[in-house]
Amino acid sequence: MLDEGVKARCTIFDRYVQALGDIEGVHFMLELEGTMSNRWLITLTIDQKALSVAPMDIINALAEENIEARPVWKPLHL
C-alpha cells in the first residue's frame, strides 16, 4: 500500500513537471542521482523577475481554484 501511494505521488509530480517544467523561471526540486523521493511534498521555486509575478499572487490564484499551495522554508543548502 505504501508503494502505491508513493507511486501515485510520483505520477502527480511528473504531471506538474510536464505542465510547468518548460516555463522559464519555474524550477522543480529534482532527485539527486542514486536517490528516490517519496514526493511527500512537491516543491518548486520561481524566479519572480523571470515570471513577472509574485509568489503570493500565484498562491492566491491557486486558492481561488481550490488548489492548496503555500510558501515553504528556504532550503538548508541556501
C-alpha atoms as a PDB file:
ATOM      1  CA  MET A   1       0.000   0.000   0.000  1.00  0.00           C
ATOM      2  CA  LEU A   2       2.861   2.397   0.789  1.00  0.00           C
ATOM      3  CA  ASP A   3       4.468   1.713  -2.578  1.00  0.00           C
ATOM      4  CA  GLU A   4       1.182   2.545  -4.335  1.00  0.00           C
ATOM      5  CA  GLY A   5       0.927   5.856  -2.504  1.00  0.00           C
ATOM      6  CA  VAL A   6       4.492   6.825  -3.370  1.00  0.00           C
ATOM      7  CA  LYS A   7       3.925   5.804  -6.995  1.00  0.00           C
ATOM      8  CA  ALA A   8       0.773   7.949  -7.160  1.00  0.00           C
ATOM      9  CA  ARG A   9       2.617  10.968  -5.740  1.00  0.00           C
ATOM     10  CA  CYS A  10       5.456  10.475  -8.232  1.00  0.00           C
ATOM     11  CA  THR A  11       2.911  10.399 -11.052  1.00  0.00           C
ATOM     12  CA  ILE A  12       1.409  13.673  -9.839  1.00  0.00           C
ATOM     13  CA  PHE A  13       4.889  15.219  -9.671  1.00  0.00           C
ATOM     14  CA  ASP A  14       5.583  14.090 -13.239  1.00  0.00           C
ATOM     15  CA  ARG A  15       2.354  15.774 -14.379  1.00  0.00           C
ATOM     16  CA  TYR A  16       3.393  19.059 -12.774  1.00  0.00           C
ATOM     17  CA  VAL A  17       6.812  18.865 -14.424  1.00  0.00           C
ATOM     18  CA  GLN A  18       5.239  18.137 -17.822  1.00  0.00           C
ATOM     19  CA  ALA A  19       2.764  21.008 -17.467  1.00  0.00           C
ATOM     20  CA  LEU A  20       5.041  23.633 -15.941  1.00  0.00           C
ATOM     21  CA  GLY A  21       8.627  22.478 -16.412  1.00  0.00           C
ATOM     22  CA  ASP A  22       9.236  24.367 -19.647  1.00  0.00           C
ATOM     23  CA  ILE A  23       8.217  27.725 -18.194  1.00  0.00           C
ATOM     24  CA  GLU A  24      11.233  29.976 -17.778  1.00  0.00           C
ATOM     25  CA  GLY A  25      11.598  30.816 -14.111  1.00  0.00           C
ATOM     26  CA  VAL A  26       9.938  27.647 -12.764  1.00  0.00           C
ATOM     27  CA  HIS A  27      12.327  25.124 -11.211  1.00  0.00           C
ATOM     28  CA  PHE A  28      11.365  21.828  -9.586  1.00  0.00           C
ATOM     29  CA  MET A  29      13.458  20.112  -6.944  1.00  0.00           C
ATOM     30  CA  LEU A  30      14.569  17.013  -8.808  1.00  0.00           C
ATOM     31  CA  GLU A  31      16.024  13.857  -7.324  1.00  0.00           C
ATOM     32  CA  LEU A  32      19.749  13.504  -6.913  1.00  0.00           C
ATOM     33  CA  GLU A  33      21.376  10.657  -8.804  1.00  0.00           C
ATOM     34  CA  GLY A  34      21.026   7.427  -6.862  1.00  0.00           C
ATOM     35  CA  THR A  35      18.113   8.671  -4.743  1.00  0.00           C
ATOM     36  CA  MET A  36      14.341   8.332  -4.866  1.00  0.00           C
ATOM     37  CA  SER A  37      11.966  10.878  -3.391  1.00  0.00           C
ATOM     38  CA  ASN A  38       8.636   9.820  -1.920  1.00  0.00           C
ATOM     39  CA  ARG A  39       7.248  13.170  -3.174  1.00  0.00           C
ATOM     40  CA  TRP A  40       5.597  13.777   0.178  1.00  0.00           C
ATOM     41  CA  LEU A  41       5.915  17.462  -0.609  1.00  0.00           C
ATOM     42  CA  ILE A  42       6.124  18.715  -4.170  1.00  0.00           C
ATOM     43  CA  THR A  43       8.132  21.910  -4.178  1.00  0.00           C
ATOM     44  CA  LEU A  44       9.252  24.313  -6.811  1.00  0.00           C
ATOM     45  CA  THR A  45      10.959  27.651  -6.887  1.00  0.00           C
ATOM     46  CA  ILE A  46      10.069  30.526  -9.094  1.00  0.00           C
ATOM     47  CA  ASP A  47      12.136  33.392 -10.363  1.00  0.00           C
ATOM     48  CA  GLN A  48       9.888  36.361  -9.674  1.00  0.00           C
ATOM     49  CA  LYS A  49      11.750  38.548 -12.176  1.00  0.00           C
ATOM     50  CA  ALA A  50      11.512  35.979 -14.985  1.00  0.00           C
ATOM     51  CA  LEU A  51       7.794  35.387 -14.394  1.00  0.00           C
ATOM     52  CA  SER A  52       6.881  38.987 -13.548  1.00  0.00           C
ATOM     53  CA  VAL A  53       4.595  37.723 -10.807  1.00  0.00           C
ATOM     54  CA  ALA A  54       4.961  37.475  -7.040  1.00  0.00           C
ATOM     55  CA  PRO A  55       4.805  34.049  -5.379  1.00  0.00           C
ATOM     56  CA  MET A  56       1.835  35.069  -3.235  1.00  0.00           C
ATOM     57  CA  ASP A  57      -0.067  36.116  -6.370  1.00  0.00           C
ATOM     58  CA  ILE A  58       0.352  32.566  -7.677  1.00  0.00           C
ATOM     59  CA  ILE A  59      -0.652  31.064  -4.334  1.00  0.00           C
ATOM     60  CA  ASN A  60      -3.754  33.273  -4.166  1.00  0.00           C
ATOM     61  CA  ALA A  61      -4.761  32.430  -7.754  1.00  0.00           C
ATOM     62  CA  LEU A  62      -4.423  28.721  -6.979  1.00  0.00           C
ATOM     63  CA  ALA A  63      -6.528  29.141  -3.831  1.00  0.00           C
ATOM     64  CA  GLU A  64      -9.306  30.655  -5.942  1.00  0.00           C
ATOM     65  CA  GLU A  65      -9.303  27.385  -7.897  1.00  0.00           C
ATOM     66  CA  ASN A  66      -9.400  25.324  -4.682  1.00  0.00           C
ATOM     67  CA  ILE A  67      -5.769  24.270  -5.092  1.00  0.00           C
ATOM     68  CA  GLU A  68      -3.723  24.269  -1.906  1.00  0.00           C
ATOM     69  CA  ALA A  69      -0.326  25.920  -2.127  1.00  0.00           C
ATOM     70  CA  ARG A  70       1.872  27.708   0.359  1.00  0.00           C
ATOM     71  CA  PRO A  71       5.320  29.190   0.681  1.00  0.00           C
ATOM     72  CA  VAL A  72       7.910  26.833   2.083  1.00  0.00           C
ATOM     73  CA  TRP A  73      11.079  27.329   4.023  1.00  0.00           C
ATOM     74  CA  LYS A  74      14.389  28.165   2.416  1.00  0.00           C
ATOM     75  CA  PRO A  75      16.391  25.011   1.594  1.00  0.00           C
ATOM     76  CA  LEU A  76      19.242  24.351   4.024  1.00  0.00           C
ATOM     77  CA  HIS A  77      21.856  24.396   1.266  1.00  0.00           C
ATOM     78  CA  LEU A  78      20.993  28.043   0.562  1.00  0.00           C
END
